[in-house]
Amino acid sequence: MMVINEALNYYFSCNGDISLDEAFLGEKHKKTTSLAYKKHKMFKYQYFASLARMERRKSGNEKLSLEDLMFKLIQETDPNAMKSLGFDPDIDIETFMRGYRRWKKELGDGKYE
C-alpha cells in the first residue's frame, strides 16, 4: 500500500507531466504499446467475432457476410453502447473490417500471446 501511495503522490506532484505508466512502472506512456490499448483493441474484435458466430448460428447461414453483420450491429445498437464496447459509432464498415482482418492475421501470427 505504501508503494502505491508513493506512486500516486509522485503522479499528482508532477501536475500531469507524466502518465500513470511512468509513475507506477517507470516507463513513458506509449498509447499503441500500452497493455490497456492492446486489450481494448482485442476486446472489440473478439466481441465482433463472437457476435458473428452467434448470428451465423442463429440465422442458419454460415456464409452471412461480416460486413452485413457489422451493418446490423451499427443499426441495432445504441451509439453509447457501441462506444462503451470500444466501437466508434461513426466508423465506416470498410475501415472496421480492415482493422478486423488485420487483427485476425495478427492473432494467427501470435502477436497477442
C-alpha atoms as a PDB file:
ATOM      1  CA  MET A   1       0.000   0.000   0.000  1.00  0.00           C
ATOM      2  CA  MET A   2       2.863   2.360   0.785  1.00  0.00           C
ATOM      3  CA  VAL A   3       4.390   1.852  -2.666  1.00  0.00           C
ATOM      4  CA  ILE A   4       1.042   2.577  -4.321  1.00  0.00           C
ATOM      5  CA  ASN A   5       0.643   5.686  -2.161  1.00  0.00           C
ATOM      6  CA  GLU A   6       4.124   6.908  -3.103  1.00  0.00           C
ATOM      7  CA  ALA A   7       3.498   6.322  -6.808  1.00  0.00           C
ATOM      8  CA  LEU A   8       0.193   8.211  -6.669  1.00  0.00           C
ATOM      9  CA  ASN A   9       1.764  11.084  -4.752  1.00  0.00           C
ATOM     10  CA  TYR A  10       4.543  11.256  -7.349  1.00  0.00           C
ATOM     11  CA  TYR A  11       1.974  11.163 -10.179  1.00  0.00           C
ATOM     12  CA  PHE A  12      -0.067  14.026  -8.681  1.00  0.00           C
ATOM     13  CA  SER A  13       3.011  16.085  -7.791  1.00  0.00           C
ATOM     14  CA  CYS A  14       4.076  16.066 -11.455  1.00  0.00           C
ATOM     15  CA  ASN A  15       0.941  18.034 -12.421  1.00  0.00           C
ATOM     16  CA  GLY A  16       0.098  15.894 -15.432  1.00  0.00           C
ATOM     17  CA  ASP A  17       3.603  15.811 -16.885  1.00  0.00           C
ATOM     18  CA  ILE A  18       3.817  12.019 -16.525  1.00  0.00           C
ATOM     19  CA  SER A  19       1.427   9.159 -17.140  1.00  0.00           C
ATOM     20  CA  LEU A  20       0.323   6.543 -14.636  1.00  0.00           C
ATOM     21  CA  ASP A  21       2.500   4.093 -16.573  1.00  0.00           C
ATOM     22  CA  GLU A  22       5.530   6.229 -15.805  1.00  0.00           C
ATOM     23  CA  ALA A  23       4.567   6.816 -12.153  1.00  0.00           C
ATOM     24  CA  PHE A  24       3.966   3.133 -11.406  1.00  0.00           C
ATOM     25  CA  LEU A  25       6.203   1.342 -13.875  1.00  0.00           C
ATOM     26  CA  GLY A  26       8.861   3.898 -14.721  1.00  0.00           C
ATOM     27  CA  GLU A  27       8.014   3.773 -18.443  1.00  0.00           C
ATOM     28  CA  LYS A  28       6.720   6.617 -20.552  1.00  0.00           C
ATOM     29  CA  HIS A  29       3.228   6.049 -21.873  1.00  0.00           C
ATOM     30  CA  LYS A  30       3.064   4.912 -25.474  1.00  0.00           C
ATOM     31  CA  LYS A  31      -0.567   4.540 -26.456  1.00  0.00           C
ATOM     32  CA  THR A  32      -0.222   1.835 -29.071  1.00  0.00           C
ATOM     33  CA  THR A  33       2.096  -0.312 -26.980  1.00  0.00           C
ATOM     34  CA  SER A  34       0.274   0.010 -23.659  1.00  0.00           C
ATOM     35  CA  LEU A  35      -1.443  -3.057 -22.255  1.00  0.00           C
ATOM     36  CA  ALA A  36      -4.738  -1.178 -21.895  1.00  0.00           C
ATOM     37  CA  TYR A  37      -4.707  -0.192 -25.573  1.00  0.00           C
ATOM     38  CA  LYS A  38      -3.957  -3.738 -26.730  1.00  0.00           C
ATOM     39  CA  LYS A  39      -6.665  -5.241 -24.504  1.00  0.00           C
ATOM     40  CA  HIS A  40      -9.176  -2.641 -25.653  1.00  0.00           C
ATOM     41  CA  LYS A  41      -8.354  -3.261 -29.306  1.00  0.00           C
ATOM     42  CA  MET A  42      -8.574  -7.004 -28.789  1.00  0.00           C
ATOM     43  CA  PHE A  43     -11.908  -6.808 -26.976  1.00  0.00           C
ATOM     44  CA  LYS A  44     -13.877  -5.054 -29.689  1.00  0.00           C
ATOM     45  CA  TYR A  45     -12.701  -7.525 -32.339  1.00  0.00           C
ATOM     46  CA  GLN A  46     -13.240 -10.522 -30.031  1.00  0.00           C
ATOM     47  CA  TYR A  47     -16.741  -9.241 -29.297  1.00  0.00           C
ATOM     48  CA  PHE A  48     -17.461  -8.862 -33.015  1.00  0.00           C
ATOM     49  CA  ALA A  49     -16.093 -12.343 -33.785  1.00  0.00           C
ATOM     50  CA  SER A  50     -18.318 -13.857 -31.075  1.00  0.00           C
ATOM     51  CA  LEU A  51     -21.319 -11.900 -32.310  1.00  0.00           C
ATOM     52  CA  ALA A  52     -20.654 -13.076 -35.877  1.00  0.00           C
ATOM     53  CA  ARG A  53     -20.523 -16.725 -34.775  1.00  0.00           C
ATOM     54  CA  MET A  54     -23.770 -16.381 -32.813  1.00  0.00           C
ATOM     55  CA  GLU A  55     -25.604 -14.546 -35.602  1.00  0.00           C
ATOM     56  CA  ARG A  56     -24.497 -17.072 -38.213  1.00  0.00           C
ATOM     57  CA  ARG A  57     -25.613 -19.946 -35.997  1.00  0.00           C
ATOM     58  CA  LYS A  58     -28.915 -18.269 -35.174  1.00  0.00           C
ATOM     59  CA  SER A  59     -29.711 -17.496 -38.817  1.00  0.00           C
ATOM     60  CA  GLY A  60     -28.529 -20.904 -40.024  1.00  0.00           C
ATOM     61  CA  ASN A  61     -26.458 -19.103 -42.641  1.00  0.00           C
ATOM     62  CA  GLU A  62     -22.749 -19.753 -42.094  1.00  0.00           C
ATOM     63  CA  LYS A  63     -21.939 -17.633 -45.152  1.00  0.00           C
ATOM     64  CA  LEU A  64     -23.553 -14.446 -43.792  1.00  0.00           C
ATOM     65  CA  SER A  65     -21.034 -11.710 -44.603  1.00  0.00           C
ATOM     66  CA  LEU A  66     -19.120  -9.950 -41.869  1.00  0.00           C
ATOM     67  CA  GLU A  67     -19.932  -6.624 -43.498  1.00  0.00           C
ATOM     68  CA  ASP A  68     -23.671  -7.368 -43.217  1.00  0.00           C
ATOM     69  CA  LEU A  69     -23.196  -8.367 -39.585  1.00  0.00           C
ATOM     70  CA  MET A  70     -21.347  -5.134 -38.823  1.00  0.00           C
ATOM     71  CA  PHE A  71     -24.078  -3.131 -40.553  1.00  0.00           C
ATOM     72  CA  LYS A  72     -26.665  -4.916 -38.407  1.00  0.00           C
ATOM     73  CA  LEU A  73     -24.652  -4.198 -35.249  1.00  0.00           C
ATOM     74  CA  ILE A  74     -24.471  -0.493 -36.123  1.00  0.00           C
ATOM     75  CA  GLN A  75     -28.178  -0.310 -36.935  1.00  0.00           C
ATOM     76  CA  GLU A  76     -29.424  -2.208 -33.874  1.00  0.00           C
ATOM     77  CA  THR A  77     -27.083  -0.969 -31.148  1.00  0.00           C
ATOM     78  CA  ASP A  78     -27.315   2.306 -29.260  1.00  0.00           C
ATOM     79  CA  PRO A  79     -24.318   4.560 -30.102  1.00  0.00           C
ATOM     80  CA  ASN A  80     -23.454   4.928 -26.398  1.00  0.00           C
ATOM     81  CA  ALA A  81     -23.416   1.137 -26.006  1.00  0.00           C
ATOM     82  CA  MET A  82     -21.226   0.874 -29.120  1.00  0.00           C
ATOM     83  CA  LYS A  83     -18.786   3.357 -27.626  1.00  0.00           C
ATOM     84  CA  SER A  84     -18.631   1.502 -24.304  1.00  0.00           C
ATOM     85  CA  LEU A  85     -17.818  -1.699 -26.213  1.00  0.00           C
ATOM     86  CA  GLY A  86     -14.893   0.041 -27.904  1.00  0.00           C
ATOM     87  CA  PHE A  87     -16.548   0.724 -31.242  1.00  0.00           C
ATOM     88  CA  ASP A  88     -16.532   4.133 -32.857  1.00  0.00           C
ATOM     89  CA  PRO A  89     -20.248   4.561 -33.709  1.00  0.00           C
ATOM     90  CA  ASP A  90     -19.294   6.720 -36.723  1.00  0.00           C
ATOM     91  CA  ILE A  91     -16.721   4.330 -38.199  1.00  0.00           C
ATOM     92  CA  ASP A  92     -17.407   3.160 -41.684  1.00  0.00           C
ATOM     93  CA  ILE A  93     -17.763  -0.558 -42.185  1.00  0.00           C
ATOM     94  CA  GLU A  94     -14.836  -0.902 -44.607  1.00  0.00           C
ATOM     95  CA  THR A  95     -12.458   0.731 -42.109  1.00  0.00           C
ATOM     96  CA  PHE A  96     -13.655  -1.545 -39.307  1.00  0.00           C
ATOM     97  CA  MET A  97     -13.347  -4.639 -41.499  1.00  0.00           C
ATOM     98  CA  ARG A  98      -9.748  -3.722 -42.471  1.00  0.00           C
ATOM     99  CA  GLY A  99      -8.896  -3.475 -38.761  1.00  0.00           C
ATOM    100  CA  TYR A 100     -10.731  -6.724 -38.022  1.00  0.00           C
ATOM    101  CA  ARG A 101      -8.898  -8.621 -40.757  1.00  0.00           C
ATOM    102  CA  ARG A 102      -5.566  -7.182 -39.574  1.00  0.00           C
ATOM    103  CA  TRP A 103      -6.417  -8.288 -36.014  1.00  0.00           C
ATOM    104  CA  LYS A 104      -7.307 -11.803 -37.225  1.00  0.00           C
ATOM    105  CA  LYS A 105      -3.981 -12.043 -39.047  1.00  0.00           C
ATOM    106  CA  GLU A 106      -2.044 -10.726 -36.031  1.00  0.00           C
ATOM    107  CA  LEU A 107      -3.926 -13.170 -33.826  1.00  0.00           C
ATOM    108  CA  GLY A 108      -2.890 -16.027 -36.106  1.00  0.00           C
ATOM    109  CA  ASP A 109       0.699 -14.759 -36.051  1.00  0.00           C
ATOM    110  CA  GLY A 110       0.697 -14.930 -32.234  1.00  0.00           C
ATOM    111  CA  LYS A 111       1.049 -11.193 -31.670  1.00  0.00           C
ATOM    112  CA  TYR A 112      -1.374 -11.137 -28.726  1.00  0.00           C
ATOM    113  CA  GLU A 113       0.057 -14.042 -26.779  1.00  0.00           C
END
